[in-house]
Amino acid sequence: MTTTVDVTGLDTLRGDLWAAVTGRDEYRAADLVLTALDTGISAETVLLDVIAPVQARVGRAWQADRLTVAQEHAATAIAERVIAALAHHPAHRPAPYGGRITVACVDQEWHALPARLLAEVLTLRGWRVDFLGAQVPTPHLVTHLHNTGADAVALSSSLATRLPTAHSAITACQAVGVPVLAGGAAFGPDGRYARLLGADAWAPDARAAARRLADGIPSPDLAAGRPEDTGLAHLTDQEYTLVVRARARLVRVVLARLERDVPAMAGYSVPQRERTAEDIAHIVEFLGVALYTDSDDLFTDFIRWTAAVLTARRVPARSLHPALDALATELKDFPRATRMLDRARRHLDEAAATTDQPPGAPA
């Protein structure tokens, strides 16, 4: 029998689980979850209304500099092991009805927890689920689909910089007749990038994904061929390709300009210089995917998020200006890149006061 738990009860459970995962107490975390199942709270409620919100809070705490990277990783690892323990509880063993789904993260996507939550929810709802985990190379994914006869594949990506790779995976899966359901923060809060890249369906969360799969997603019509990607016609200008190929050079040039023009960098330690180079590389990487999708919002939201992260670490958001200025100088002959950089610079001051994580930003 499933117990209906009130909002206060769930708030208490979430608070206790937060204390356990941030306190690195794996046994306490597992005991909280398994006890909740023993008292009749449904496994899906525990997964999506307890574990998922706690994990989101972990990400926000890292962003606000209340948790270190190591603490965030430790908390995430505990959450993953707790989900594994939950998966072996008697409450998590429904009889399958026969549909088979593959759940995987796109290549280079390491954030596997959202996909894992979906896999567990689909299992609870009776699907036979092949969960392939983080960063699955597209050729291996396609081979798996050939060998298993999946009814559909659910592709997950949290980082927007993985969208070009996701596009390749979507196309490859559809080419062998398997429909693709896209999900994760990378595809935008409204699924705009899933539609742009040609996914057969999109869902904002695990419950919506389960409903969409239950309704059925038609298989791609291989005989009809794949329609032209008219939404990606902008790629013919080669800006994306040229910026991505020049990424290492752009990082070196921008870093050299900062060392010349920003007096404070003279006092930077080696680790500080390395971190600055990493930040520049992230800016160039997000500019590249913004060019791929032709989305000014994607790049501006990343700059806003970066400003918020820097502000939380007591680094002035205005420190981004010199890097963006140097990048704009280097890319002055690239109209779309110039447009995106100009907009980001106009919004930078406003972004410094923004603390919400944008879709697809790193966590």
Protein backbone atom coordinates (compact mmCIF):
# COMPACT_ATOMS: atom_id res chain seq x y z
CA MET A 1 0.00 0.00 0.00
CA THR A 2 1.24 3.48 -0.89
CA THR A 3 1.11 6.16 1.79
CA THR A 4 0.16 9.71 0.95
CA VAL A 5 2.59 12.03 2.72
CA ASP A 6 1.85 15.68 3.37
CA VAL A 7 4.04 18.58 2.29
CA THR A 8 5.45 19.03 5.79
CA GLY A 9 6.49 15.40 5.90
CA LEU A 10 8.29 15.69 2.58
CA ASP A 11 9.96 18.92 3.68
CA THR A 12 11.25 17.17 6.79
CA LEU A 13 12.51 14.22 4.79
CA ARG A 14 14.26 16.50 2.32
CA GLY A 15 15.88 18.44 5.15
CA ASP A 16 17.11 15.27 6.80
CA LEU A 17 18.47 13.90 3.54
CA TRP A 18 20.21 17.22 2.83
CA ALA A 19 21.93 17.04 6.20
CA ALA A 20 23.00 13.45 5.52
CA VAL A 21 24.43 13.94 2.03
CA THR A 22 26.21 17.20 2.87
CA GLY A 23 27.46 15.62 6.07
CA ARG A 24 28.85 12.72 4.02
CA ASP A 25 26.79 10.21 6.01
CA GLU A 26 25.89 7.64 3.37
CA TYR A 27 24.38 5.18 5.86
CA ARG A 28 22.10 7.81 7.32
CA ALA A 29 21.01 8.87 3.83
CA ALA A 30 20.23 5.29 2.81
CA ASP A 31 18.37 4.66 6.08
CA LEU A 32 16.18 7.73 5.53
CA VAL A 33 15.21 6.65 2.02
CA LEU A 34 14.64 2.96 2.81
CA THR A 35 12.63 3.80 5.92
CA ALA A 36 10.44 6.11 3.85
CA LEU A 37 9.75 3.21 1.48
CA ASP A 38 9.03 0.89 4.41
CA THR A 39 6.41 3.30 5.72
CA GLY A 40 4.60 3.21 2.38
CA ILE A 41 5.83 6.34 0.62
CA SER A 42 6.05 5.47 -3.06
CA ALA A 43 9.46 4.95 -4.63
CA GLU A 44 8.62 7.50 -7.33
CA THR A 45 7.80 10.12 -4.69
CA VAL A 46 11.10 9.47 -2.94
CA LEU A 47 13.02 9.69 -6.20
CA LEU A 48 11.41 12.80 -7.67
CA ASP A 49 10.10 14.72 -4.65
CA VAL A 50 12.93 14.02 -2.20
CA ILE A 51 16.20 12.94 -3.83
CA ALA A 52 15.91 15.14 -6.95
CA PRO A 53 15.16 18.40 -5.05
CA VAL A 54 17.97 17.70 -2.59
CA GLN A 55 20.38 17.19 -5.47
CA ALA A 56 19.20 20.44 -7.07
CA ARG A 57 19.86 22.17 -3.75
CA VAL A 58 23.38 20.72 -3.75
CA GLY A 59 24.00 22.31 -7.15
CA ARG A 60 22.68 25.68 -6.01
CA ALA A 61 24.85 25.51 -2.89
CA TRP A 62 27.96 24.93 -4.99
CA GLN A 63 27.01 27.86 -7.21
CA ALA A 64 26.61 30.09 -4.16
CA ASP A 65 30.00 28.95 -2.81
CA ARG A 66 28.45 27.21 0.18
CA LEU A 67 29.84 23.84 -0.95
CA THR A 68 33.21 23.12 -2.52
CA VAL A 69 33.55 21.10 -5.71
CA ALA A 70 34.70 18.12 -3.64
CA GLN A 71 31.73 18.42 -1.27
CA GLU A 72 29.34 18.64 -4.23
CA HIS A 73 30.88 15.52 -5.78
CA ALA A 74 30.70 13.64 -2.48
CA ALA A 75 27.03 14.53 -2.02
CA THR A 76 26.24 13.46 -5.59
CA ALA A 77 28.06 10.15 -5.12
CA ILE A 78 26.01 9.45 -1.99
CA ALA A 79 22.79 10.26 -3.86
CA GLU A 80 23.76 7.81 -6.61
CA ARG A 81 24.47 5.03 -4.11
CA VAL A 82 21.21 5.71 -2.28
CA ILE A 83 19.32 5.37 -5.56
CA ALA A 84 21.11 2.07 -6.15
CA ALA A 85 19.98 0.86 -2.72
CA LEU A 86 16.43 2.02 -3.42
CA ALA A 87 16.44 0.06 -6.68
CA HIS A 88 16.77 -3.21 -4.75
CA HIS A 89 13.93 -2.48 -2.35
CA PRO A 90 10.78 -4.62 -2.79
CA ALA A 91 8.79 -1.43 -3.51
CA HIS A 92 10.84 -1.03 -6.68
CA ARG A 93 9.97 -4.30 -8.40
CA PRO A 94 6.84 -4.00 -10.54
CA ALA A 95 6.07 -6.57 -13.21
CA PRO A 96 7.25 -5.32 -16.62
CA TYR A 97 4.69 -5.02 -19.36
CA GLY A 98 7.13 -5.48 -22.18
CA GLY A 99 8.19 -2.13 -23.58
CA ARG A 100 11.96 -1.59 -23.80
CA ILE A 101 13.63 1.79 -23.40
CA THR A 102 17.28 2.77 -23.56
CA VAL A 103 18.28 5.69 -21.32
CA ALA A 104 21.67 7.27 -21.93
CA CYS A 105 23.65 10.47 -21.59
CA VAL A 106 25.13 11.89 -24.78
CA ASP A 107 28.85 11.55 -25.32
CA GLN A 108 30.95 13.82 -23.06
CA GLU A 109 28.01 14.36 -20.68
CA TRP A 110 29.08 13.31 -17.18
CA HIS A 111 25.96 14.46 -15.28
CA ALA A 112 24.21 11.10 -15.13
CA LEU A 113 21.91 11.56 -12.13
CA PRO A 114 18.93 13.05 -14.05
CA ALA A 115 19.07 10.15 -16.51
CA ARG A 116 19.35 7.68 -13.64
CA LEU A 117 16.24 9.12 -12.01
CA LEU A 118 14.34 8.73 -15.28
CA ALA A 119 15.53 5.15 -15.66
CA GLU A 120 14.27 4.27 -12.19
CA VAL A 121 10.90 5.96 -12.76
CA LEU A 122 10.43 4.10 -16.04
CA THR A 123 11.32 0.83 -14.31
CA LEU A 124 8.72 1.55 -11.66
CA ARG A 125 6.15 2.11 -14.39
CA GLY A 126 6.85 -1.26 -15.96
CA TRP A 127 9.32 -0.58 -18.73
CA ARG A 128 12.32 -2.81 -19.34
CA VAL A 129 15.08 -0.22 -19.10
CA ASP A 130 18.66 -0.34 -20.31
CA PHE A 131 20.43 2.44 -18.44
CA LEU A 132 23.78 3.10 -20.12
CA GLY A 133 24.95 5.88 -17.81
CA ALA A 134 27.20 8.85 -18.50
CA GLN A 135 28.93 9.87 -21.74
CA VAL A 136 27.89 7.10 -24.13
CA PRO A 137 29.73 7.33 -27.48
CA THR A 138 27.19 7.53 -30.28
CA PRO A 139 28.51 4.51 -32.27
CA HIS A 140 28.21 2.32 -29.17
CA LEU A 141 24.72 3.65 -28.49
CA VAL A 142 23.60 2.80 -32.02
CA THR A 143 25.10 -0.69 -31.76
CA HIS A 144 23.21 -1.22 -28.52
CA LEU A 145 19.95 -0.16 -30.16
CA HIS A 146 20.59 -2.61 -33.00
CA ASN A 147 21.19 -5.44 -30.55
CA THR A 148 18.28 -4.80 -28.18
CA GLY A 149 15.41 -3.57 -30.34
CA ALA A 150 14.53 -0.64 -28.10
CA ASP A 151 11.16 1.03 -28.66
CA ALA A 152 12.74 4.43 -28.02
CA VAL A 153 15.85 6.06 -26.62
CA ALA A 154 15.81 8.77 -23.96
CA LEU A 155 18.84 11.01 -24.40
CA SER A 156 19.92 13.19 -21.50
CA SER A 157 22.22 16.20 -21.45
CA SER A 158 22.70 18.80 -18.73
CA LEU A 159 25.40 20.96 -20.32
CA ALA A 160 24.46 23.07 -23.32
CA THR A 161 27.97 22.67 -24.71
CA ARG A 162 27.04 19.06 -25.52
CA LEU A 163 24.27 20.09 -27.93
CA PRO A 164 26.28 19.54 -31.15
CA THR A 165 27.12 16.04 -29.90
CA ALA A 166 23.48 15.50 -28.97
CA HIS A 167 22.49 16.50 -32.50
CA SER A 168 24.75 13.79 -33.93
CA ALA A 169 23.31 11.22 -31.53
CA ILE A 170 19.71 12.16 -32.33
CA THR A 171 20.36 11.85 -36.06
CA ALA A 172 22.18 8.52 -35.67
CA CYS A 173 19.44 6.96 -33.54
CA GLN A 174 16.73 8.09 -35.95
CA ALA A 175 18.72 6.71 -38.87
CA VAL A 176 18.25 3.19 -37.46
CA GLY A 177 14.54 3.75 -36.90
CA VAL A 178 14.55 4.49 -33.15
CA PRO A 179 12.64 7.59 -31.97
CA VAL A 180 14.42 9.96 -29.62
CA LEU A 181 13.04 11.59 -26.47
CA ALA A 182 15.34 14.42 -25.37
CA GLY A 183 15.57 15.72 -21.82
CA GLY A 184 17.82 17.63 -19.49
CA ALA A 185 18.76 21.23 -18.86
CA ALA A 186 20.86 21.46 -22.02
CA PHE A 187 17.77 21.37 -24.23
CA GLY A 188 16.30 24.52 -22.65
CA PRO A 189 13.46 24.95 -20.15
CA ASP A 190 10.93 24.85 -22.98
CA GLY A 191 12.68 22.23 -25.12
CA ARG A 192 13.62 24.75 -27.83
CA TYR A 193 16.97 23.09 -28.56
CA ALA A 194 15.43 19.61 -28.67
CA ARG A 195 13.10 20.84 -31.40
CA LEU A 196 15.90 22.69 -33.18
CA LEU A 197 18.01 19.51 -33.31
CA GLY A 198 15.13 17.38 -34.56
CA ALA A 199 14.33 15.20 -31.54
CA ASP A 200 11.05 13.30 -31.89
CA ALA A 201 9.88 14.42 -28.44
CA TRP A 202 11.00 16.40 -25.40
CA ALA A 203 10.03 16.31 -21.74
CA PRO A 204 10.84 18.76 -18.94
CA ASP A 205 11.07 16.14 -16.20
CA ALA A 206 10.91 12.42 -15.48
CA ARG A 207 7.15 12.26 -14.92
CA ALA A 208 6.44 14.08 -18.16
CA ALA A 209 8.92 11.82 -19.96
CA ALA A 210 7.20 8.70 -18.63
CA ARG A 211 3.82 9.99 -19.78
CA ARG A 212 5.18 10.88 -23.22
CA LEU A 213 6.69 7.43 -23.66
CA ALA A 214 3.48 5.76 -22.47
CA ASP A 215 1.55 7.71 -25.10
CA GLY A 216 3.93 6.37 -27.74
CA ILE A 217 6.45 8.15 -29.94
CA PRO A 218 6.17 7.19 -33.62
CA SER A 219 9.27 5.66 -35.16
CA PRO A 220 11.09 7.77 -37.76
CA ASP A 221 9.94 7.16 -41.34
CA LEU A 222 13.16 5.89 -42.90
CA ALA A 223 11.63 5.64 -46.35
CA ALA A 224 10.75 9.33 -46.32
CA GLY A 225 14.31 10.33 -45.53
CA ARG A 226 15.34 13.03 -43.10
CA PRO A 227 14.09 16.56 -43.75
CA GLU A 228 16.60 19.34 -44.16
CA ASP A 229 17.65 21.02 -40.93
CA THR A 230 16.26 24.39 -41.95
CA GLY A 231 16.59 25.65 -38.38
CA LEU A 232 20.37 25.24 -38.67
CA ALA A 233 20.79 27.07 -41.98
CA HIS A 234 22.94 29.64 -40.17
CA LEU A 235 25.75 27.08 -39.93
CA THR A 236 26.59 27.72 -43.56
CA ASP A 237 28.44 30.88 -42.50
CA GLN A 238 31.14 28.67 -40.89
CA GLU A 239 31.37 30.83 -37.75
CA TYR A 240 30.73 27.86 -35.46
CA THR A 241 33.33 25.70 -37.18
CA LEU A 242 35.97 28.41 -37.27
CA VAL A 243 35.50 29.41 -33.61
CA VAL A 244 35.59 25.82 -32.38
CA ARG A 245 38.71 25.02 -34.39
CA ALA A 246 40.41 28.16 -33.10
CA ARG A 247 39.46 27.59 -29.46
CA ALA A 248 42.99 26.92 -28.15
CA ARG A 249 44.40 29.91 -30.05
CA LEU A 250 41.59 32.18 -28.85
CA VAL A 251 42.24 31.21 -25.24
CA ARG A 252 45.95 32.00 -25.63
CA VAL A 253 45.31 35.33 -27.33
CA VAL A 254 42.69 36.48 -24.82
CA LEU A 255 44.87 35.42 -21.90
CA ALA A 256 47.82 37.35 -23.35
CA ARG A 257 45.66 40.46 -23.78
CA LEU A 258 44.46 40.21 -20.18
CA GLU A 259 48.03 39.87 -18.92
CA ARG A 260 48.90 43.01 -20.89
CA ASP A 261 45.84 45.12 -20.08
CA VAL A 262 44.80 44.04 -16.55
CA PRO A 263 47.44 45.14 -14.01
CA ALA A 264 46.07 42.89 -11.28
CA MET A 265 47.10 39.80 -13.25
CA ALA A 266 50.75 40.60 -12.56
CA GLY A 267 50.19 39.35 -9.04
CA TYR A 268 48.34 36.16 -10.02
CA SER A 269 49.72 32.84 -8.83
CA VAL A 270 50.14 29.94 -11.23
CA PRO A 271 46.86 28.32 -10.09
CA GLN A 272 45.05 31.65 -10.55
CA ARG A 273 46.38 31.96 -14.10
CA GLU A 274 45.34 28.40 -14.85
CA ARG A 275 41.86 29.06 -13.51
CA THR A 276 41.61 32.22 -15.62
CA ALA A 277 42.56 30.22 -18.72
CA GLU A 278 39.88 27.66 -17.85
CA ASP A 279 37.28 30.41 -17.50
CA ILE A 280 38.22 31.83 -20.89
CA ALA A 281 37.98 28.35 -22.42
CA HIS A 282 34.45 27.98 -21.01
CA ILE A 283 33.46 31.35 -22.49
CA VAL A 284 34.74 30.31 -25.92
CA GLU A 285 33.05 26.92 -25.62
CA PHE A 286 29.66 28.46 -24.79
CA LEU A 287 30.09 31.02 -27.56
CA GLY A 288 30.64 28.11 -29.93
CA VAL A 289 27.44 26.30 -28.98
CA ALA A 290 25.54 29.60 -29.11
CA LEU A 291 26.76 29.94 -32.69
CA TYR A 292 25.69 26.34 -33.41
CA THR A 293 22.15 27.04 -32.19
CA ASP A 294 22.17 30.73 -33.20
CA SER A 295 20.96 31.57 -29.70
CA ASP A 296 21.98 34.88 -28.17
CA ASP A 297 20.07 33.87 -25.03
CA LEU A 298 22.21 30.78 -24.51
CA PHE A 299 25.43 32.79 -24.40
CA THR A 300 24.01 35.70 -22.41
CA ASP A 301 22.51 33.34 -19.82
CA PHE A 302 25.88 31.64 -19.43
CA ILE A 303 27.60 34.99 -18.87
CA ARG A 304 24.94 35.94 -16.30
CA TRP A 305 25.43 32.63 -14.52
CA THR A 306 29.22 33.01 -14.58
CA ALA A 307 28.87 36.51 -13.13
CA ALA A 308 26.73 35.13 -10.31
CA VAL A 309 29.27 32.38 -9.56
CA LEU A 310 32.12 34.90 -9.50
CA THR A 311 30.16 37.28 -7.27
CA ALA A 312 29.47 34.46 -4.80
CA ARG A 313 33.23 33.90 -4.65
CA ARG A 314 33.87 37.59 -4.05
CA VAL A 315 35.25 38.18 -7.54
CA PRO A 316 33.72 41.28 -9.19
CA ALA A 317 31.50 40.41 -12.14
CA ARG A 318 33.08 43.30 -14.03
CA SER A 319 36.23 41.16 -14.29
CA LEU A 320 34.51 39.40 -17.20
CA HIS A 321 34.48 42.58 -19.27
CA PRO A 322 38.17 42.52 -20.32
CA ALA A 323 37.90 38.90 -21.49
CA LEU A 324 34.76 39.60 -23.51
CA ASP A 325 36.34 42.76 -24.94
CA ALA A 326 39.45 40.85 -26.00
CA LEU A 327 37.37 38.09 -27.55
CA ALA A 328 35.24 40.65 -29.42
CA THR A 329 38.38 42.25 -30.84
CA GLU A 330 39.67 38.90 -32.02
CA LEU A 331 36.32 37.97 -33.61
CA LYS A 332 35.46 41.38 -35.07
CA ASP A 333 34.97 39.84 -38.54
CA PHE A 334 32.37 37.35 -37.28
CA PRO A 335 28.95 39.08 -37.37
CA ARG A 336 26.99 36.59 -35.28
CA ALA A 337 29.74 36.20 -32.69
CA THR A 338 30.04 40.00 -32.47
CA ARG A 339 26.28 40.31 -31.95
CA MET A 340 26.35 37.75 -29.13
CA LEU A 341 29.35 39.29 -27.41
CA ASP A 342 27.85 42.77 -27.63
CA ARG A 343 24.60 41.60 -26.08
CA ALA A 344 26.40 39.73 -23.30
CA ARG A 345 28.46 42.81 -22.45
CA ARG A 346 25.34 44.97 -22.33
CA HIS A 347 23.71 42.59 -19.90
CA LEU A 348 26.76 41.84 -17.79
CA ASP A 349 26.07 44.35 -15.02
CA GLU A 350 22.53 43.10 -14.69
CA ALA A 351 23.77 39.52 -14.72
CA ALA A 352 26.01 40.15 -11.72
CA ALA A 353 22.91 40.30 -9.52
CA THR A 354 21.40 37.11 -10.96
CA THR A 355 21.81 33.96 -8.89
CA ASP A 356 19.57 31.39 -10.61
CA GLN A 357 21.41 28.82 -12.68
CA PRO A 358 20.51 29.07 -16.37
CA PRO A 359 19.65 26.07 -18.51
CA GLY A 360 22.65 24.06 -19.51
CA ALA A 361 25.18 25.78 -17.30
CA PRO A 362 27.89 23.69 -15.65
CA ALA A 363 27.29 22.48 -12.13
